């Protein structure tokens, strides 16, 4: 998978009734890489995942895939993964800051 992470992600299971997320920040090196995701529909749902968790194709899909058959019986509600608001500062290359301070903005998803 490409590093830094793309911005658009779809969870294959609902997480607090959400499945579409934006990668707002990232960091770390090698096997200690991490990504902060925020729900597209509910900004109070924020997750900090290891890069290896996010790269796991059985749990996450790059982009916003409407065709993923999410099974609501597999509802994920792991509060240990949800982090506090203090980590929600967007990265400078997210394109989510005002003003945009960087010429390079990370892509939302892989080009087809």
C-alpha atoms as a PDB file:
ATOM      1  CA  UNK A   1       0.000   0.000   0.000  1.00  0.00           C
ATOM      2  CA  UNK A   2       1.029   3.548  -0.679  1.00  0.00           C
ATOM      3  CA  UNK A   3       2.343   5.746   2.120  1.00  0.00           C
ATOM      4  CA  UNK A   4       1.184   8.364   3.049  1.00  0.00           C
ATOM      5  CA  UNK A   5      -2.332   6.921   3.137  1.00  0.00           C
ATOM      6  CA  UNK A   6      -5.076   7.943   0.750  1.00  0.00           C
ATOM      7  CA  UNK A   7      -7.818  10.034   2.372  1.00  0.00           C
ATOM      8  CA  UNK A   8     -11.001   8.061   1.582  1.00  0.00           C
ATOM      9  CA  UNK A   9     -11.669   4.711   3.338  1.00  0.00           C
ATOM     10  CA  UNK A  10     -14.626   2.338   3.678  1.00  0.00           C
ATOM     11  CA  UNK A  11     -14.945  -0.019   6.640  1.00  0.00           C
ATOM     12  CA  UNK A  12     -16.338  -3.431   5.730  1.00  0.00           C
ATOM     13  CA  UNK A  13     -18.191  -3.498   9.061  1.00  0.00           C
ATOM     14  CA  UNK A  14     -20.122  -0.652  10.637  1.00  0.00           C
ATOM     15  CA  UNK A  15     -18.216   1.238  13.325  1.00  0.00           C
ATOM     16  CA  UNK A  16     -20.659   3.085  15.560  1.00  0.00           C
ATOM     17  CA  UNK A  17     -23.140   2.954  12.632  1.00  0.00           C
ATOM     18  CA  UNK A  18     -20.579   4.450  10.212  1.00  0.00           C
ATOM     19  CA  UNK A  19     -18.592   2.945   7.372  1.00  0.00           C
ATOM     20  CA  UNK A  20     -17.148   5.923   5.424  1.00  0.00           C
ATOM     21  CA  UNK A  21     -14.048   7.616   6.855  1.00  0.00           C
ATOM     22  CA  UNK A  22     -11.452  10.266   6.006  1.00  0.00           C
ATOM     23  CA  UNK A  23      -7.798   9.822   6.927  1.00  0.00           C
ATOM     24  CA  UNK A  24      -7.168  13.198   8.548  1.00  0.00           C
ATOM     25  CA  UNK A  25      -3.695  12.536   9.952  1.00  0.00           C
ATOM     26  CA  UNK A  26      -0.928   9.943   9.992  1.00  0.00           C
ATOM     27  CA  UNK A  27       2.548   9.393  11.355  1.00  0.00           C
ATOM     28  CA  UNK A  28       5.126   6.958  12.640  1.00  0.00           C
ATOM     29  CA  UNK A  29       7.766   4.956  10.849  1.00  0.00           C
ATOM     30  CA  UNK A  30       7.936   1.436   9.434  1.00  0.00           C
ATOM     31  CA  UNK A  31       5.852  -0.970  11.559  1.00  0.00           C
ATOM     32  CA  UNK A  32       4.880   1.840  13.970  1.00  0.00           C
ATOM     33  CA  UNK A  33       2.905   3.787  11.363  1.00  0.00           C
ATOM     34  CA  UNK A  34      -0.581   4.954  12.361  1.00  0.00           C
ATOM     35  CA  UNK A  35      -3.545   6.695  10.751  1.00  0.00           C
ATOM     36  CA  UNK A  36      -6.298   8.805  12.327  1.00  0.00           C
ATOM     37  CA  UNK A  37      -9.683   8.338  10.642  1.00  0.00           C
ATOM     38  CA  UNK A  38     -12.794  10.464  11.135  1.00  0.00           C
ATOM     39  CA  UNK A  39     -16.278   9.414  10.089  1.00  0.00           C
ATOM     40  CA  UNK A  40     -17.651  11.314   7.105  1.00  0.00           C
ATOM     41  CA  UNK A  41     -21.117  11.558   8.687  1.00  0.00           C
ATOM     42  CA  UNK A  42     -20.291  11.864  12.404  1.00  0.00           C
ATOM     43  CA  UNK A  43     -17.136  13.775  13.310  1.00  0.00           C
ATOM     44  CA  UNK A  44     -17.325  12.482  16.889  1.00  0.00           C
ATOM     45  CA  UNK A  45     -16.334   9.010  15.622  1.00  0.00           C
ATOM     46  CA  UNK A  46     -12.538   9.170  15.426  1.00  0.00           C
ATOM     47  CA  UNK A  47     -10.249   6.145  15.210  1.00  0.00           C
ATOM     48  CA  UNK A  48      -6.513   5.758  15.460  1.00  0.00           C
ATOM     49  CA  UNK A  49      -5.447   2.592  13.652  1.00  0.00           C
ATOM     50  CA  UNK A  50      -2.097   1.050  12.958  1.00  0.00           C
ATOM     51  CA  UNK A  51      -1.135   1.084   9.287  1.00  0.00           C
ATOM     52  CA  UNK A  52      -1.189  -2.718   9.290  1.00  0.00           C
ATOM     53  CA  UNK A  53      -4.833  -2.701  10.503  1.00  0.00           C
ATOM     54  CA  UNK A  54      -5.872  -0.225   7.815  1.00  0.00           C
ATOM     55  CA  UNK A  55      -4.003  -2.156   5.114  1.00  0.00           C
ATOM     56  CA  UNK A  56      -5.929  -5.323   5.992  1.00  0.00           C
ATOM     57  CA  UNK A  57      -8.240  -5.732   2.979  1.00  0.00           C
ATOM     58  CA  UNK A  58     -10.682  -7.936   4.880  1.00  0.00           C
ATOM     59  CA  UNK A  59     -11.564  -4.939   7.111  1.00  0.00           C
ATOM     60  CA  UNK A  60     -10.926  -1.805   5.027  1.00  0.00           C
ATOM     61  CA  UNK A  61     -11.257  -0.704   1.402  1.00  0.00           C
ATOM     62  CA  UNK A  62      -9.473   2.318  -0.043  1.00  0.00           C
ATOM     63  CA  UNK A  63     -12.055   4.787  -1.401  1.00  0.00           C
ATOM     64  CA  UNK A  64     -15.768   5.067  -0.653  1.00  0.00           C
ATOM     65  CA  UNK A  65     -17.272   1.867  -1.981  1.00  0.00           C
ATOM     66  CA  UNK A  66     -21.071   1.840  -2.050  1.00  0.00           C
ATOM     67  CA  UNK A  67     -21.121  -1.780  -3.194  1.00  0.00           C
ATOM     68  CA  UNK A  68     -19.573  -3.267  -0.072  1.00  0.00           C
ATOM     69  CA  UNK A  69     -22.167  -5.426   1.616  1.00  0.00           C
ATOM     70  CA  UNK A  70     -21.655  -4.392   5.213  1.00  0.00           C
ATOM     71  CA  UNK A  71     -23.332  -6.762   7.600  1.00  0.00           C
ATOM     72  CA  UNK A  72     -24.905  -4.784  10.426  1.00  0.00           C
ATOM     73  CA  UNK A  73     -24.738  -7.917  12.582  1.00  0.00           C
ATOM     74  CA  UNK A  74     -20.961  -7.386  12.582  1.00  0.00           C
ATOM     75  CA  UNK A  75     -21.303  -3.981  14.218  1.00  0.00           C
ATOM     76  CA  UNK A  76     -17.980  -2.853  15.614  1.00  0.00           C
ATOM     77  CA  UNK A  77     -18.190  -0.843  18.792  1.00  0.00           C
ATOM     78  CA  UNK A  78     -14.688  -0.977  20.191  1.00  0.00           C
ATOM     79  CA  UNK A  79     -14.302   2.164  22.303  1.00  0.00           C
ATOM     80  CA  UNK A  80     -10.621   1.324  22.859  1.00  0.00           C
ATOM     81  CA  UNK A  81      -9.957   2.324  19.236  1.00  0.00           C
ATOM     82  CA  UNK A  82     -11.819   5.628  19.453  1.00  0.00           C
ATOM     83  CA  UNK A  83      -9.517   8.427  20.485  1.00  0.00           C
ATOM     84  CA  UNK A  84     -10.056  11.848  21.976  1.00  0.00           C
ATOM     85  CA  UNK A  85     -10.505  15.096  20.086  1.00  0.00           C
ATOM     86  CA  UNK A  86      -6.932  16.154  20.813  1.00  0.00           C
ATOM     87  CA  UNK A  87      -5.711  13.961  17.934  1.00  0.00           C
ATOM     88  CA  UNK A  88      -8.060  15.352  15.299  1.00  0.00           C
ATOM     89  CA  UNK A  89      -5.677  18.006  13.956  1.00  0.00           C
ATOM     90  CA  UNK A  90      -5.479  17.417  10.179  1.00  0.00           C
ATOM     91  CA  UNK A  91      -2.108  16.815   8.560  1.00  0.00           C
ATOM     92  CA  UNK A  92      -0.737  19.667   6.449  1.00  0.00           C
ATOM     93  CA  UNK A  93      -1.178  17.639   3.241  1.00  0.00           C
ATOM     94  CA  UNK A  94      -4.786  16.662   3.966  1.00  0.00           C
ATOM     95  CA  UNK A  95      -6.311  19.614   2.123  1.00  0.00           C
ATOM     96  CA  UNK A  96      -8.634  19.991   5.120  1.00  0.00           C
ATOM     97  CA  UNK A  97      -6.873  22.940   6.757  1.00  0.00           C
ATOM     98  CA  UNK A  98      -7.745  26.595   6.273  1.00  0.00           C
ATOM     99  CA  UNK A  99      -5.767  28.117   4.737  1.00  0.00           C
ATOM    100  CA  UNK A 100      -4.259  25.258   2.755  1.00  0.00           C
ATOM    101  CA  UNK A 101      -0.579  25.622   3.531  1.00  0.00           C
ATOM    102  CA  UNK A 102       0.964  22.964   1.337  1.00  0.00           C
ATOM    103  CA  UNK A 103       1.173  22.708  -2.438  1.00  0.00           C
ATOM    104  CA  UNK A 104       0.914  18.906  -2.393  1.00  0.00           C
ATOM    105  CA  UNK A 105      -2.419  17.460  -1.276  1.00  0.00           C
ATOM    106  CA  UNK A 106      -2.758  13.703  -0.692  1.00  0.00           C
ATOM    107  CA  UNK A 107      -5.122  11.959  -3.120  1.00  0.00           C
ATOM    108  CA  UNK A 108      -8.497  10.767  -1.896  1.00  0.00           C
ATOM    109  CA  UNK A 109      -8.143   7.270  -3.354  1.00  0.00           C
ATOM    110  CA  UNK A 110      -6.226   5.136  -5.862  1.00  0.00           C
ATOM    111  CA  UNK A 111      -6.660   6.022  -9.495  1.00  0.00           C
ATOM    112  CA  UNK A 112      -8.474   3.329 -11.455  1.00  0.00           C
END
